[in-house]
Structure formats: C-alpha cells, structure tokens
C-alpha cells in the first residue's frame, strides 16, 4: 500500500472509560490529576475532562452493567493511559508527592515515569518528556 492511500491519523482524540462512581472519578481526574472538568452529557451520566487543548481528553461514563472490572495485565484490552506531566524530574517528583498526598501508591516506576490506579482500577501512567 503506498503512502498516498493510507489513512492519516493526526492525533488521538480522546479516551472513553466506563466507571462505577462518577464522584470518585471526578475526585481522581479533576482533583488529583488536575484535569479540567469541561462538561457532562447523557443527563449527567458522562463527565468530560481536558488537559487544556481539547474539549476533552478523557470521557467517563457511568457503567450500564456490573462487570468483572479490570482484567489481569497481559490480556487483550486497555493497558494504561499516559499523561505527560512535564519535562523535568522535579516535575515528576512533584506529581508523585501530589498523588501520594491523596493516598495513592505509585507503582511500575521507571526513571521518567510511574503509574497509579484510578477508582475503577485503570492504570494511569504519569511521565515526563525531557524532549519537550
């Protein structure tokens, strides 16, 4: 297939998650991670969060059914969502202090990243990109 006939994706638009508790989700994405809450939809069943460029980068909809929740790591499905929190290790350390101050336990650490879990167990990676 030649390059002119390929679909060209410009950027990721957003990630949508089903969640069990919208208030716990708000506390995590808005109050802990600092994303702006930009609106709601479906009669309040969806809440939208933005990192500042788009109307929303993450949408969270109240689950319509009970389910098993997070699958074991390695099975097909969502692995994690990553958010760039800066360009320095000092900014990464500040992010770590913030999540720990809210009772979250970082895991999966690398020299430039770590992960936490949202209220529904989704893995959220926070990282710094020194190239920016």
Protein backbone atom coordinates (compact mmCIF):
# COMPACT_ATOMS: atom_id res chain seq x y z
CA UNK A 1 0.00 0.00 0.00
CA UNK A 2 1.53 3.34 -0.98
CA UNK A 3 1.60 6.26 1.45
CA UNK A 4 -0.95 8.30 -0.50
CA UNK A 5 -3.67 5.68 0.01
CA UNK A 6 -3.17 5.28 3.78
CA UNK A 7 -5.45 6.81 6.33
CA UNK A 8 -3.63 9.65 8.11
CA UNK A 9 -4.33 9.93 11.83
CA UNK A 10 -3.36 13.37 13.11
CA UNK A 11 -3.65 12.73 16.84
CA UNK A 12 -5.56 10.79 19.47
CA UNK A 13 -8.89 12.49 20.05
CA UNK A 14 -9.85 11.14 23.46
CA UNK A 15 -10.17 8.02 25.60
CA UNK A 16 -13.58 6.91 26.90
CA UNK A 17 -13.98 4.78 30.02
CA UNK A 18 -16.91 3.17 31.76
CA UNK A 19 -16.76 3.84 35.51
CA UNK A 20 -18.68 2.75 38.60
CA UNK A 21 -18.78 6.04 40.54
CA UNK A 22 -18.76 9.46 38.84
CA UNK A 23 -17.94 11.38 42.03
CA UNK A 24 -14.90 9.17 42.78
CA UNK A 25 -13.90 9.59 39.13
CA UNK A 26 -14.19 13.39 39.42
CA UNK A 27 -12.05 13.41 42.54
CA UNK A 28 -9.37 11.39 40.77
CA UNK A 29 -9.18 13.03 37.33
CA UNK A 30 -10.09 16.59 38.36
CA UNK A 31 -8.92 16.97 41.93
CA UNK A 32 -5.85 14.71 41.98
CA UNK A 33 -4.61 14.73 38.37
CA UNK A 34 -5.69 18.33 37.78
CA UNK A 35 -7.60 17.84 34.53
CA UNK A 36 -10.30 20.44 33.93
CA UNK A 37 -13.87 19.19 34.05
CA UNK A 38 -15.35 20.57 30.84
CA UNK A 39 -18.90 19.31 30.93
CA UNK A 40 -21.32 16.45 31.23
CA UNK A 41 -23.52 14.50 28.85
CA UNK A 42 -26.32 11.95 28.68
CA UNK A 43 -28.22 13.54 31.54
CA UNK A 44 -25.20 13.60 33.81
CA UNK A 45 -24.09 10.02 33.09
CA UNK A 46 -20.88 11.19 31.37
CA UNK A 47 -18.27 13.64 32.62
CA UNK A 48 -15.58 15.13 30.36
CA UNK A 49 -12.01 16.08 31.38
CA UNK A 50 -9.43 18.11 29.48
CA UNK A 51 -5.69 18.61 29.74
CA UNK A 52 -6.22 22.02 28.18
CA UNK A 53 -6.08 21.74 24.39
CA UNK A 54 -9.22 19.79 23.51
CA UNK A 55 -12.75 19.95 24.91
CA UNK A 56 -11.97 16.56 26.45
CA UNK A 57 -9.11 14.10 26.51
CA UNK A 58 -10.92 11.63 28.76
CA UNK A 59 -14.65 10.93 28.99
CA UNK A 60 -16.00 8.80 31.78
CA UNK A 61 -19.46 7.28 31.52
CA UNK A 62 -21.36 5.62 34.33
CA UNK A 63 -21.30 1.89 33.62
CA UNK A 64 -24.59 0.42 32.44
CA UNK A 65 -23.94 -3.05 33.82
CA UNK A 66 -21.99 -4.75 36.56
CA UNK A 67 -18.85 -6.34 35.27
CA UNK A 68 -15.68 -8.05 36.24
CA UNK A 69 -13.73 -4.78 36.25
CA UNK A 70 -10.07 -4.58 35.40
CA UNK A 71 -8.67 -7.61 33.58
CA UNK A 72 -5.34 -9.16 34.60
CA UNK A 73 -2.35 -7.49 32.99
CA UNK A 74 -1.44 -9.04 29.67
CA UNK A 75 -4.89 -10.00 28.40
CA UNK A 76 -6.36 -8.08 25.44
CA UNK A 77 -7.87 -4.76 26.47
CA UNK A 78 -6.82 -1.38 27.79
CA UNK A 79 -3.32 -1.44 29.29
CA UNK A 80 -2.94 2.13 30.52
CA UNK A 81 -3.49 5.80 29.78
CA UNK A 82 -0.41 8.04 29.92
CA UNK A 83 -0.30 11.74 30.78
CA UNK A 84 2.73 13.99 30.23
CA UNK A 85 3.28 15.97 33.46
CA UNK A 86 6.31 18.00 32.41
CA UNK A 87 9.86 17.93 31.15
CA UNK A 88 11.93 17.57 34.33
CA UNK A 89 12.47 15.03 37.07
CA UNK A 90 11.49 17.76 39.55
CA UNK A 91 8.03 17.92 37.90
CA UNK A 92 7.77 14.13 38.08
CA UNK A 93 8.70 14.23 41.78
CA UNK A 94 6.05 16.92 42.38
CA UNK A 95 3.44 14.75 40.65
CA UNK A 96 4.46 11.81 42.82
CA UNK A 97 4.14 13.88 46.01
CA UNK A 98 0.69 15.03 44.91
CA UNK A 99 -0.70 11.55 44.25
CA UNK A 100 0.85 10.19 47.45
CA UNK A 101 -0.69 13.08 49.42
CA UNK A 102 -4.06 11.82 48.14
CA UNK A 103 -3.37 8.29 49.38
CA UNK A 104 -2.39 6.73 46.05
CA UNK A 105 0.51 4.29 45.85
CA UNK A 106 2.77 4.69 42.81
CA UNK A 107 3.99 1.53 41.06
CA UNK A 108 5.69 0.46 37.82
CA UNK A 109 8.30 3.15 38.16
CA UNK A 110 10.91 3.96 35.54
CA UNK A 111 13.44 6.79 35.68
CA UNK A 112 10.92 9.08 33.92
CA UNK A 113 7.51 7.70 34.93
CA UNK A 114 5.30 5.96 37.44
CA UNK A 115 1.74 4.63 37.50
CA UNK A 116 -1.28 4.90 39.78
CA UNK A 117 -4.77 3.42 39.54
CA UNK A 118 -7.98 5.39 39.16
CA UNK A 119 -11.03 4.44 41.29
CA UNK A 120 -12.01 1.71 38.80
CA UNK A 121 -8.52 0.21 38.63
CA UNK A 122 -7.48 1.69 35.28
CA UNK A 123 -3.71 2.08 35.14
CA UNK A 124 -2.68 5.72 34.72
CA UNK A 125 0.94 6.48 33.79
CA UNK A 126 2.36 9.88 34.66
CA UNK A 127 5.59 10.71 32.83
CA UNK A 128 8.00 13.48 31.93
CA UNK A 129 9.30 14.04 28.44
CA UNK A 130 12.67 15.79 28.51
CA UNK A 131 12.43 16.34 24.75
CA UNK A 132 9.69 18.97 25.11
